Amino acid sequence: REIVARLGHPVLTTSITYQDEDYARNPELIAEAFEGRVD
């Protein structure tokens, strides 16, 4: 919410996709899965 408030308008959002629950929960594994795909 604070990111949106600082931006001053909405953020488009869509949930990540994952194949293993660890890659949904663990931020380090999420970063590993999306390396090179997001900024």
PDB file of all heavy atoms in Angstrom:
ATOM      1  N   ARG A   1       0.826  -1.214   0.000  1.00  0.00           N
ATOM      2  CA  ARG A   1       0.000   0.000   0.000  1.00  0.00           C
ATOM      3  C   ARG A   1       0.859   1.263   0.000  1.00  0.00           C
ATOM      4  O   ARG A   1       0.527   2.254  -0.667  1.00  0.00           O
ATOM      5  CB  ARG A   1      -0.949   0.011   1.198  1.00  0.00           C
ATOM      6  CG  ARG A   1      -1.975  -1.110   1.186  1.00  0.00           C
ATOM      7  CD  ARG A   1      -3.132  -0.826   2.156  1.00  0.00           C
ATOM      8  NE  ARG A   1      -2.681  -0.387   3.471  1.00  0.00           N
ATOM      9  CZ  ARG A   1      -2.323  -1.201   4.460  1.00  0.00           C
ATOM     10  NH1 ARG A   1      -2.332  -2.512   4.273  1.00  0.00           N
ATOM     11  NH2 ARG A   1      -1.949  -0.715   5.626  1.00  0.00           N
ATOM     12  N   GLU A   2       1.969   1.237   0.745  1.00  0.00           N
ATOM     13  CA  GLU A   2       2.825   2.426   0.802  1.00  0.00           C
ATOM     14  C   GLU A   2       3.533   2.674  -0.526  1.00  0.00           C
ATOM     15  O   GLU A   2       3.776   3.817  -0.902  1.00  0.00           O
ATOM     16  CB  GLU A   2       3.834   2.288   1.940  1.00  0.00           C
ATOM     17  CG  GLU A   2       3.213   2.455   3.320  1.00  0.00           C
ATOM     18  CD  GLU A   2       4.267   2.459   4.416  1.00  0.00           C
ATOM     19  OE1 GLU A   2       5.257   3.201   4.275  1.00  0.00           O
ATOM     20  OE2 GLU A   2       4.100   1.706   5.387  1.00  0.00           O
ATOM     21  N   ILE A   3       3.879   1.603  -1.254  1.00  0.00           N
ATOM     22  CA  ILE A   3       4.470   1.770  -2.583  1.00  0.00           C
ATOM     23  C   ILE A   3       3.487   2.507  -3.488  1.00  0.00           C
ATOM     24  O   ILE A   3       3.845   3.461  -4.187  1.00  0.00           O
ATOM     25  CB  ILE A   3       4.846   0.403  -3.191  1.00  0.00           C
ATOM     26  CG1 ILE A   3       6.060  -0.184  -2.477  1.00  0.00           C
ATOM     27  CG2 ILE A   3       5.127   0.534  -4.692  1.00  0.00           C
ATOM     28  CD1 ILE A   3       6.358  -1.632  -2.850  1.00  0.00           C
ATOM     29  N   VAL A   4       2.225   2.071  -3.454  1.00  0.00           N
ATOM     30  CA  VAL A   4       1.196   2.704  -4.281  1.00  0.00           C
ATOM     31  C   VAL A   4       0.997   4.169  -3.867  1.00  0.00           C
ATOM     32  O   VAL A   4       0.901   5.058  -4.712  1.00  0.00           O
ATOM     33  CB  VAL A   4      -0.128   1.924  -4.174  1.00  0.00           C
ATOM     34  CG1 VAL A   4      -1.252   2.676  -4.870  1.00  0.00           C
ATOM     35  CG2 VAL A   4       0.032   0.539  -4.777  1.00  0.00           C
ATOM     36  N   ALA A   5       0.942   4.400  -2.565  1.00  0.00           N
ATOM     37  CA  ALA A   5       0.748   5.772  -2.088  1.00  0.00           C
ATOM     38  C   ALA A   5       1.895   6.673  -2.517  1.00  0.00           C
ATOM     39  O   ALA A   5       1.684   7.820  -2.934  1.00  0.00           O
ATOM     40  CB  ALA A   5       0.611   5.774  -0.556  1.00  0.00           C
ATOM     41  N   ARG A   6       3.123   6.161  -2.449  1.00  0.00           N
ATOM     42  CA  ARG A   6       4.283   6.972  -2.849  1.00  0.00           C
ATOM     43  C   ARG A   6       4.288   7.198  -4.363  1.00  0.00           C
ATOM     44  O   ARG A   6       4.634   8.290  -4.821  1.00  0.00           O
ATOM     45  CB  ARG A   6       5.578   6.279  -2.407  1.00  0.00           C
ATOM     46  CG  ARG A   6       6.845   7.100  -2.624  1.00  0.00           C
ATOM     47  CD  ARG A   6       6.806   8.412  -1.828  1.00  0.00           C
ATOM     48  NE  ARG A   6       6.548   8.218  -0.421  1.00  0.00           N
ATOM     49  CZ  ARG A   6       7.493   8.189   0.516  1.00  0.00           C
ATOM     50  NH1 ARG A   6       8.763   8.346   0.170  1.00  0.00           N
ATOM     51  NH2 ARG A   6       7.174   8.022   1.789  1.00  0.00           N
ATOM     52  N   LEU A   7       3.868   6.185  -5.127  1.00  0.00           N
ATOM     53  CA  LEU A   7       3.782   6.329  -6.578  1.00  0.00           C
ATOM     54  C   LEU A   7       2.706   7.341  -6.958  1.00  0.00           C
ATOM     55  O   LEU A   7       2.859   8.077  -7.934  1.00  0.00           O
ATOM     56  CB  LEU A   7       3.481   4.964  -7.206  1.00  0.00           C
ATOM     57  CG  LEU A   7       3.485   4.866  -8.731  1.00  0.00           C
ATOM     58  CD1 LEU A   7       4.866   5.186  -9.304  1.00  0.00           C
ATOM     59  CD2 LEU A   7       3.030   3.465  -9.167  1.00  0.00           C
ATOM     60  N   GLY A   8       1.633   7.371  -6.178  1.00  0.00           N
ATOM     61  CA  GLY A   8       0.571   8.345  -6.414  1.00  0.00           C
ATOM     62  C   GLY A   8      -0.580   7.836  -7.269  1.00  0.00           C
ATOM     63  O   GLY A   8      -1.559   8.554  -7.495  1.00  0.00           O
ATOM     64  N   HIS A   9      -0.483   6.616  -7.732  1.00  0.00           N
ATOM     65  CA  HIS A   9      -1.555   5.989  -8.508  1.00  0.00           C
ATOM     66  C   HIS A   9      -1.364   4.475  -8.451  1.00  0.00           C
ATOM     67  O   HIS A   9      -0.344   4.000  -7.953  1.00  0.00           O
ATOM     68  CB  HIS A   9      -1.581   6.513  -9.951  1.00  0.00           C
ATOM     69  CG  HIS A   9      -0.259   6.497 -10.622  1.00  0.00           C
ATOM     70  ND1 HIS A   9       0.515   7.630 -10.784  1.00  0.00           N
ATOM     71  CD2 HIS A   9       0.458   5.485 -11.172  1.00  0.00           C
ATOM     72  CE1 HIS A   9       1.628   7.311 -11.406  1.00  0.00           C
ATOM     73  NE2 HIS A   9       1.621   6.023 -11.650  1.00  0.00           N
ATOM     74  N   PRO A  10      -2.324   3.701  -8.966  1.00  0.00           N
ATOM     75  CA  PRO A  10      -2.284   2.251  -8.743  1.00  0.00           C
ATOM     76  C   PRO A  10      -1.103   1.536  -9.392  1.00  0.00           C
ATOM     77  O   PRO A  10      -0.470   2.026 -10.326  1.00  0.00           O
ATOM     78  CB  PRO A  10      -3.604   1.764  -9.370  1.00  0.00           C
ATOM     79  CG  PRO A  10      -4.493   2.951  -9.346  1.00  0.00           C
ATOM     80  CD  PRO A  10      -3.593   4.122  -9.590  1.00  0.00           C
ATOM     81  N   VAL A  11      -0.869   0.347  -8.851  1.00  0.00           N
ATOM     82  CA  VAL A  11       0.095  -0.605  -9.403  1.00  0.00           C
ATOM     83  C   VAL A  11      -0.695  -1.764 -10.005  1.00  0.00           C
ATOM     84  O   VAL A  11      -1.589  -2.315  -9.342  1.00  0.00           O
ATOM     85  CB  VAL A  11       1.039  -1.129  -8.296  1.00  0.00           C
ATOM     86  CG1 VAL A  11       1.774  -2.395  -8.738  1.00  0.00           C
ATOM     87  CG2 VAL A  11       2.049  -0.056  -7.900  1.00  0.00           C
ATOM     88  N   LEU A  12      -0.404  -2.101 -11.255  1.00  0.00           N
ATOM     89  CA  LEU A  12      -0.990  -3.303 -11.841  1.00  0.00           C
ATOM     90  C   LEU A  12      -0.425  -4.510 -11.108  1.00  0.00           C
ATOM     91  O   LEU A  12       0.768  -4.546 -10.794  1.00  0.00           O
ATOM     92  CB  LEU A  12      -0.639  -3.409 -13.323  1.00  0.00           C
ATOM     93  CG  LEU A  12      -1.195  -4.676 -13.991  1.00  0.00           C
ATOM     94  CD1 LEU A  12      -2.519  -4.379 -14.674  1.00  0.00           C
ATOM     95  CD2 LEU A  12      -0.210  -5.259 -14.986  1.00  0.00           C
ATOM     96  N   THR A  13      -1.260  -5.505 -10.824  1.00  0.00           N
ATOM     97  CA  THR A  13      -0.789  -6.654 -10.059  1.00  0.00           C
ATOM     98  C   THR A  13      -1.309  -7.961 -10.620  1.00  0.00           C
ATOM     99  O   THR A  13      -2.446  -8.042 -11.090  1.00  0.00           O
ATOM    100  CB  THR A  13      -1.219  -6.532  -8.575  1.00  0.00           C
ATOM    101  OG1 THR A  13      -0.732  -7.647  -7.837  1.00  0.00           O
ATOM    102  CG2 THR A  13      -2.737  -6.478  -8.431  1.00  0.00           C
ATOM    103  N   THR A  14      -0.468  -8.979 -10.602  1.00  0.00           N
ATOM    104  CA  THR A  14      -0.849 -10.344 -10.944  1.00  0.00           C
ATOM    105  C   THR A  14       0.043 -11.285 -10.138  1.00  0.00           C
ATOM    106  O   THR A  14       1.239 -11.030  -9.973  1.00  0.00           O
ATOM    107  CB  THR A  14      -0.713 -10.621 -12.462  1.00  0.00           C
ATOM    108  OG1 THR A  14      -1.054 -11.994 -12.730  1.00  0.00           O
ATOM    109  CG2 THR A  14       0.699 -10.375 -12.962  1.00  0.00           C
ATOM    110  N   SER A  15      -0.539 -12.342  -9.605  1.00  0.00           N
ATOM    111  CA  SER A  15       0.214 -13.249  -8.742  1.00  0.00           C
ATOM    112  C   SER A  15       1.306 -13.981  -9.522  1.00  0.00           C
ATOM    113  O   SER A  15       1.161 -14.245 -10.712  1.00  0.00           O
ATOM    114  CB  SER A  15      -0.725 -14.289  -8.111  1.00  0.00           C
ATOM    115  OG  SER A  15      -1.645 -13.663  -7.253  1.00  0.00           O
ATOM    116  N   ILE A  16       2.392 -14.314  -8.817  1.00  0.00           N
ATOM    117  CA  ILE A  16       3.439 -15.118  -9.441  1.00  0.00           C
ATOM    118  C   ILE A  16       2.901 -16.522  -9.709  1.00  0.00           C
ATOM    119  O   ILE A  16       1.968 -16.984  -9.057  1.00  0.00           O
ATOM    120  CB  ILE A  16       4.697 -15.215  -8.553  1.00  0.00           C
ATOM    121  CG1 ILE A  16       4.363 -15.895  -7.203  1.00  0.00           C
ATOM    122  CG2 ILE A  16       5.333 -13.842  -8.350  1.00  0.00           C
ATOM    123  CD1 ILE A  16       5.576 -16.268  -6.388  1.00  0.00           C
ATOM    124  N   THR A  17       3.492 -17.189 -10.685  1.00  0.00           N
ATOM    125  CA  THR A  17       3.216 -18.609 -10.907  1.00  0.00           C
ATOM    126  C   THR A  17       4.379 -19.410 -10.326  1.00  0.00           C
ATOM    127  O   THR A  17       5.517 -18.929 -10.290  1.00  0.00           O
ATOM    128  CB  THR A  17       3.061 -18.916 -12.403  1.00  0.00           C
ATOM    129  OG1 THR A  17       4.188 -18.390 -13.111  1.00  0.00           O
ATOM    130  CG2 THR A  17       1.793 -18.278 -12.951  1.00  0.00           C
ATOM    131  N   TYR A  18       4.101 -20.620  -9.884  1.00  0.00           N
ATOM    132  CA  TYR A  18       5.149 -21.425  -9.258  1.00  0.00           C
ATOM    133  C   TYR A  18       4.804 -22.901  -9.423  1.00  0.00           C
ATOM    134  O   TYR A  18       3.639 -23.281  -9.609  1.00  0.00           O
ATOM    135  CB  TYR A  18       5.282 -21.077  -7.776  1.00  0.00           C
ATOM    136  CG  TYR A  18       4.034 -21.353  -6.965  1.00  0.00           C
ATOM    137  CD1 TYR A  18       3.880 -22.558  -6.287  1.00  0.00           C
ATOM    138  CD2 TYR A  18       2.994 -20.413  -6.900  1.00  0.00           C
ATOM    139  CE1 TYR A  18       2.731 -22.820  -5.559  1.00  0.00           C
ATOM    140  CE2 TYR A  18       1.846 -20.682  -6.177  1.00  0.00           C
ATOM    141  CZ  TYR A  18       1.719 -21.877  -5.505  1.00  0.00           C
ATOM    142  OH  TYR A  18       0.581 -22.141  -4.797  1.00  0.00           O
ATOM    143  N   GLN A  19       5.822 -23.750  -9.349  1.00  0.00           N
ATOM    144  CA  GLN A  19       5.618 -25.189  -9.468  1.00  0.00           C
ATOM    145  C   GLN A  19       5.785 -25.910  -8.137  1.00  0.00           C
ATOM    146  O   GLN A  19       5.297 -27.016  -7.957  1.00  0.00           O
ATOM    147  CB  GLN A  19       6.601 -25.767 -10.497  1.00  0.00           C
ATOM    148  CG  GLN A  19       6.335 -25.282 -11.913  1.00  0.00           C
ATOM    149  CD  GLN A  19       7.285 -25.906 -12.917  1.00  0.00           C
ATOM    150  OE1 GLN A  19       8.419 -26.245 -12.591  1.00  0.00           O
ATOM    151  NE2 GLN A  19       6.820 -26.053 -14.147  1.00  0.00           N
ATOM    152  N   ASP A  20       6.458 -25.279  -7.222  1.00  0.00           N
ATOM    153  CA  ASP A  20       6.724 -25.883  -5.923  1.00  0.00           C
ATOM    154  C   ASP A  20       6.389 -24.847  -4.853  1.00  0.00           C
ATOM    155  O   ASP A  20       6.708 -23.666  -5.007  1.00  0.00           O
ATOM    156  CB  ASP A  20       8.201 -26.287  -5.841  1.00  0.00           C
ATOM    157  CG  ASP A  20       8.549 -26.992  -4.538  1.00  0.00           C
ATOM    158  OD1 ASP A  20       8.549 -26.307  -3.493  1.00  0.00           O
ATOM    159  OD2 ASP A  20       8.830 -28.193  -4.568  1.00  0.00           O
ATOM    160  N   GLU A  21       5.750 -25.282  -3.762  1.00  0.00           N
ATOM    161  CA  GLU A  21       5.318 -24.329  -2.735  1.00  0.00           C
ATOM    162  C   GLU A  21       6.469 -23.513  -2.161  1.00  0.00           C
ATOM    163  O   GLU A  21       6.284 -22.362  -1.766  1.00  0.00           O
ATOM    164  CB  GLU A  21       4.559 -25.050  -1.620  1.00  0.00           C
ATOM    165  CG  GLU A  21       3.167 -25.479  -2.022  1.00  0.00           C
ATOM    166  CD  GLU A  21       2.330 -25.893  -0.826  1.00  0.00           C
ATOM    167  OE1 GLU A  21       2.838 -25.829   0.321  1.00  0.00           O
ATOM    168  OE2 GLU A  21       1.158 -26.260  -1.041  1.00  0.00           O
ATOM    169  N   ASP A  22       7.653 -24.109  -2.091  1.00  0.00           N
ATOM    170  CA  ASP A  22       8.802 -23.358  -1.587  1.00  0.00           C
ATOM    171  C   ASP A  22       9.078 -22.139  -2.457  1.00  0.00           C
ATOM    172  O   ASP A  22       9.551 -21.109  -1.970  1.00  0.00           O
ATOM    173  CB  ASP A  22      10.050 -24.251  -1.543  1.00  0.00           C
ATOM    174  CG  ASP A  22      10.000 -25.266  -0.411  1.00  0.00           C
ATOM    175  OD1 ASP A  22       9.182 -25.070   0.517  1.00  0.00           O
ATOM    176  OD2 ASP A  22      10.764 -26.239  -0.458  1.00  0.00           O
ATOM    177  N   TYR A  23       8.793 -22.265  -3.756  1.00  0.00           N
ATOM    178  CA  TYR A  23       9.026 -21.157  -4.688  1.00  0.00           C
ATOM    179  C   TYR A  23       7.871 -20.141  -4.667  1.00  0.00           C
ATOM    180  O   TYR A  23       7.900 -19.159  -5.397  1.00  0.00           O
ATOM    181  CB  TYR A  23       9.254 -21.687  -6.108  1.00  0.00           C
ATOM    182  CG  TYR A  23      10.649 -22.215  -6.313  1.00  0.00           C
ATOM    183  CD1 TYR A  23      10.986 -23.512  -5.952  1.00  0.00           C
ATOM    184  CD2 TYR A  23      11.654 -21.399  -6.841  1.00  0.00           C
ATOM    185  CE1 TYR A  23      12.275 -24.002  -6.113  1.00  0.00           C
ATOM    186  CE2 TYR A  23      12.948 -21.873  -7.006  1.00  0.00           C
ATOM    187  CZ  TYR A  23      13.250 -23.177  -6.645  1.00  0.00           C
ATOM    188  OH  TYR A  23      14.535 -23.646  -6.805  1.00  0.00           O
ATOM    189  N   ALA A  24       6.875 -20.389  -3.848  1.00  0.00           N
ATOM    190  CA  ALA A  24       5.829 -19.400  -3.603  1.00  0.00           C
ATOM    191  C   ALA A  24       6.089 -18.666  -2.291  1.00  0.00           C
ATOM    192  O   ALA A  24       5.788 -17.486  -2.159  1.00  0.00           O
ATOM    193  CB  ALA A  24       4.461 -20.074  -3.548  1.00  0.00           C
ATOM    194  N   ARG A  25       6.680 -19.379  -1.334  1.00  0.00           N
ATOM    195  CA  ARG A  25       6.858 -18.821   0.005  1.00  0.00           C
ATOM    196  C   ARG A  25       8.199 -18.116   0.217  1.00  0.00           C
ATOM    197  O   ARG A  25       8.251 -17.030   0.801  1.00  0.00           O
ATOM    198  CB  ARG A  25       6.741 -19.940   1.053  1.00  0.00           C
ATOM    199  CG  ARG A  25       5.379 -20.595   1.119  1.00  0.00           C
ATOM    200  CD  ARG A  25       5.376 -21.674   2.202  1.00  0.00           C
ATOM    201  NE  ARG A  25       4.107 -22.368   2.312  1.00  0.00           N
ATOM    202  CZ  ARG A  25       3.057 -21.916   2.982  1.00  0.00           C
ATOM    203  NH1 ARG A  25       3.134 -20.748   3.602  1.00  0.00           N
ATOM    204  NH2 ARG A  25       1.941 -22.624   3.049  1.00  0.00           N
ATOM    205  N   ASN A  26       9.272 -18.730  -0.254  1.00  0.00           N
ATOM    206  CA  ASN A  26      10.619 -18.262   0.065  1.00  0.00           C
ATOM    207  C   ASN A  26      11.066 -17.155  -0.886  1.00  0.00           C
ATOM    208  O   ASN A  26      11.249 -17.393  -2.082  1.00  0.00           O
ATOM    209  CB  ASN A  26      11.594 -19.436  -0.019  1.00  0.00           C
ATOM    210  CG  ASN A  26      12.978 -19.085   0.482  1.00  0.00           C
ATOM    211  OD1 ASN A  26      13.559 -18.086   0.060  1.00  0.00           O
ATOM    212  ND2 ASN A  26      13.521 -19.900   1.361  1.00  0.00           N
ATOM    213  N   PRO A  27      11.268 -15.923  -0.381  1.00  0.00           N
ATOM    214  CA  PRO A  27      11.633 -14.811  -1.256  1.00  0.00           C
ATOM    215  C   PRO A  27      12.912 -15.052  -2.059  1.00  0.00           C
ATOM    216  O   PRO A  27      12.999 -14.641  -3.229  1.00  0.00           O
ATOM    217  CB  PRO A  27      11.807 -13.637  -0.285  1.00  0.00           C
ATOM    218  CG  PRO A  27      10.982 -13.996   0.899  1.00  0.00           C
ATOM    219  CD  PRO A  27      11.078 -15.481   1.016  1.00  0.00           C
ATOM    220  N   GLU A  28      13.898 -15.732  -1.443  1.00  0.00           N
ATOM    221  CA  GLU A  28      15.145 -15.988  -2.168  1.00  0.00           C
ATOM    222  C   GLU A  28      14.924 -16.936  -3.342  1.00  0.00           C
ATOM    223  O   GLU A  28      15.502 -16.754  -4.421  1.00  0.00           O
ATOM    224  CB  GLU A  28      16.199 -16.548  -1.208  1.00  0.00           C
ATOM    225  CG  GLU A  28      16.675 -15.535  -0.174  1.00  0.00           C
ATOM    226  CD  GLU A  28      17.765 -16.103   0.719  1.00  0.00           C
ATOM    227  OE1 GLU A  28      18.209 -17.248   0.482  1.00  0.00           O
ATOM    228  OE2 GLU A  28      18.168 -15.396   1.665  1.00  0.00           O
ATOM    229  N   LEU A  29      14.071 -17.935  -3.163  1.00  0.00           N
ATOM    230  CA  LEU A  29      13.771 -18.867  -4.244  1.00  0.00           C
ATOM    231  C   LEU A  29      12.911 -18.194  -5.319  1.00  0.00           C
ATOM    232  O   LEU A  29      13.067 -18.468  -6.511  1.00  0.00           O
ATOM    233  CB  LEU A  29      13.057 -20.110  -3.699  1.00  0.00           C
ATOM    234  CG  LEU A  29      13.892 -21.020  -2.800  1.00  0.00           C
ATOM    235  CD1 LEU A  29      13.048 -22.181  -2.285  1.00  0.00           C
ATOM    236  CD2 LEU A  29      15.125 -21.534  -3.536  1.00  0.00           C
ATOM    237  N   ILE A  30      12.025 -17.312  -4.897  1.00  0.00           N
ATOM    238  CA  ILE A  30      11.217 -16.556  -5.866  1.00  0.00           C
ATOM    239  C   ILE A  30      12.131 -15.692  -6.731  1.00  0.00           C
ATOM    240  O   ILE A  30      11.999 -15.648  -7.956  1.00  0.00           O
ATOM    241  CB  ILE A  30      10.173 -15.680  -5.144  1.00  0.00           C
ATOM    242  CG1 ILE A  30       9.160 -16.553  -4.399  1.00  0.00           C
ATOM    243  CG2 ILE A  30       9.452 -14.763  -6.146  1.00  0.00           C
ATOM    244  CD1 ILE A  30       8.249 -15.787  -3.459  1.00  0.00           C
ATOM    245  N   ALA A  31      13.096 -15.029  -6.081  1.00  0.00           N
ATOM    246  CA  ALA A  31      14.051 -14.202  -6.830  1.00  0.00           C
ATOM    247  C   ALA A  31      14.844 -15.048  -7.815  1.00  0.00           C
ATOM    248  O   ALA A  31      15.076 -14.645  -8.964  1.00  0.00           O
ATOM    249  CB  ALA A  31      14.993 -13.485  -5.857  1.00  0.00           C
ATOM    250  N   GLU A  32      15.233 -16.239  -7.368  1.00  0.00           N
ATOM    251  CA  GLU A  32      15.979 -17.152  -8.244  1.00  0.00           C
ATOM    252  C   GLU A  32      15.140 -17.529  -9.467  1.00  0.00           C
ATOM    253  O   GLU A  32      15.629 -17.542 -10.599  1.00  0.00           O
ATOM    254  CB  GLU A  32      16.340 -18.404  -7.448  1.00  0.00           C
ATOM    255  CG  GLU A  32      17.008 -19.503  -8.248  1.00  0.00           C
ATOM    256  CD  GLU A  32      17.133 -20.785  -7.443  1.00  0.00           C
ATOM    257  OE1 GLU A  32      17.723 -20.737  -6.341  1.00  0.00           O
ATOM    258  OE2 GLU A  32      16.616 -21.828  -7.901  1.00  0.00           O
ATOM    259  N   ALA A  33      13.859 -17.819  -9.248  1.00  0.00           N
ATOM    260  CA  ALA A  33      12.983 -18.261 -10.338  1.00  0.00           C
ATOM    261  C   ALA A  33      12.727 -17.156 -11.353  1.00  0.00           C
ATOM    262  O   ALA A  33      12.532 -17.429 -12.545  1.00  0.00           O
ATOM    263  CB  ALA A  33      11.659 -18.772  -9.761  1.00  0.00           C
ATOM    264  N   PHE A  34      12.739 -15.908 -10.903  1.00  0.00           N
ATOM    265  CA  PHE A  34      12.393 -14.800 -11.801  1.00  0.00           C
ATOM    266  C   PHE A  34      13.612 -13.973 -12.225  1.00  0.00           C
ATOM    267  O   PHE A  34      13.460 -12.918 -12.833  1.00  0.00           O
ATOM    268  CB  PHE A  34      11.335 -13.900 -11.146  1.00  0.00           C
ATOM    269  CG  PHE A  34       9.957 -14.496 -11.187  1.00  0.00           C
ATOM    270  CD1 PHE A  34       9.517 -15.323 -10.156  1.00  0.00           C
ATOM    271  CD2 PHE A  34       9.112 -14.262 -12.259  1.00  0.00           C
ATOM    272  CE1 PHE A  34       8.253 -15.896 -10.195  1.00  0.00           C
ATOM    273  CE2 PHE A  34       7.836 -14.814 -12.308  1.00  0.00           C
ATOM    274  CZ  PHE A  34       7.412 -15.635 -11.274  1.00  0.00           C
ATOM    275  N   GLU A  35      14.800 -14.452 -11.902  1.00  0.00           N
ATOM    276  CA  GLU A  35      16.030 -13.766 -12.317  1.00  0.00           C
ATOM    277  C   GLU A  35      16.027 -13.598 -13.840  1.00  0.00           C
ATOM    278  O   GLU A  35      15.791 -14.534 -14.595  1.00  0.00           O
ATOM    279  CB  GLU A  35      17.251 -14.575 -11.897  1.00  0.00           C
ATOM    280  CG  GLU A  35      18.573 -13.954 -12.293  1.00  0.00           C
ATOM    281  CD  GLU A  35      18.856 -12.665 -11.570  1.00  0.00           C
ATOM    282  OE1 GLU A  35      18.624 -12.604 -10.337  1.00  0.00           O
ATOM    283  OE2 GLU A  35      19.292 -11.709 -12.240  1.00  0.00           O
ATOM    284  N   GLY A  36      16.260 -12.360 -14.281  1.00  0.00           N
ATOM    285  CA  GLY A  36      16.308 -12.080 -15.711  1.00  0.00           C
ATOM    286  C   GLY A  36      14.948 -11.865 -16.349  1.00  0.00           C
ATOM    287  O   GLY A  36      14.865 -11.524 -17.533  1.00  0.00           O
ATOM    288  N   ARG A  37      13.884 -12.055 -15.582  1.00  0.00           N
ATOM    289  CA  ARG A  37      12.532 -11.898 -16.135  1.00  0.00           C
ATOM    290  C   ARG A  37      11.832 -10.653 -15.609  1.00  0.00           C
ATOM    291  O   ARG A  37      10.912 -10.135 -16.242  1.00  0.00           O
ATOM    292  CB  ARG A  37      11.701 -13.140 -15.827  1.00  0.00           C
ATOM    293  CG  ARG A  37      12.310 -14.411 -16.429  1.00  0.00           C
ATOM    294  CD  ARG A  37      11.767 -15.668 -15.778  1.00  0.00           C
ATOM    295  NE  ARG A  37      10.360 -15.871 -16.061  1.00  0.00           N
ATOM    296  CZ  ARG A  37       9.577 -16.716 -15.381  1.00  0.00           C
ATOM    297  NH1 ARG A  37      10.089 -17.409 -14.371  1.00  0.00           N
ATOM    298  NH2 ARG A  37       8.323 -16.870 -15.705  1.00  0.00           N
ATOM    299  N   VAL A  38      12.242 -10.217 -14.418  1.00  0.00           N
ATOM    300  CA  VAL A  38      11.756  -8.948 -13.883  1.00  0.00           C
ATOM    301  C   VAL A  38      12.969  -8.088 -13.549  1.00  0.00           C
ATOM    302  O   VAL A  38      14.100  -8.558 -13.547  1.00  0.00           O
ATOM    303  CB  VAL A  38      10.867  -9.146 -12.629  1.00  0.00           C
ATOM    304  CG1 VAL A  38       9.682 -10.037 -12.940  1.00  0.00           C
ATOM    305  CG2 VAL A  38      11.669  -9.711 -11.472  1.00  0.00           C
ATOM    306  N   ASP A  39      12.714  -6.807 -13.258  1.00  0.00           N
ATOM    307  CA  ASP A  39      13.833  -5.874 -13.071  1.00  0.00           C
ATOM    308  C   ASP A  39      14.330  -5.789 -11.631  1.00  0.00           C
ATOM    309  O   ASP A  39      15.521  -5.593 -11.388  1.00  0.00           O
ATOM    310  CB  ASP A  39      13.417  -4.480 -13.558  1.00  0.00           C
ATOM    311  CG  ASP A  39      13.039  -4.501 -15.026  1.00  0.00           C
ATOM    312  OD1 ASP A  39      13.851  -4.970 -15.839  1.00  0.00           O
ATOM    313  OD2 ASP A  39      11.922  -4.062 -15.366  1.00  0.00           O
TER     314      ASP A  39
END
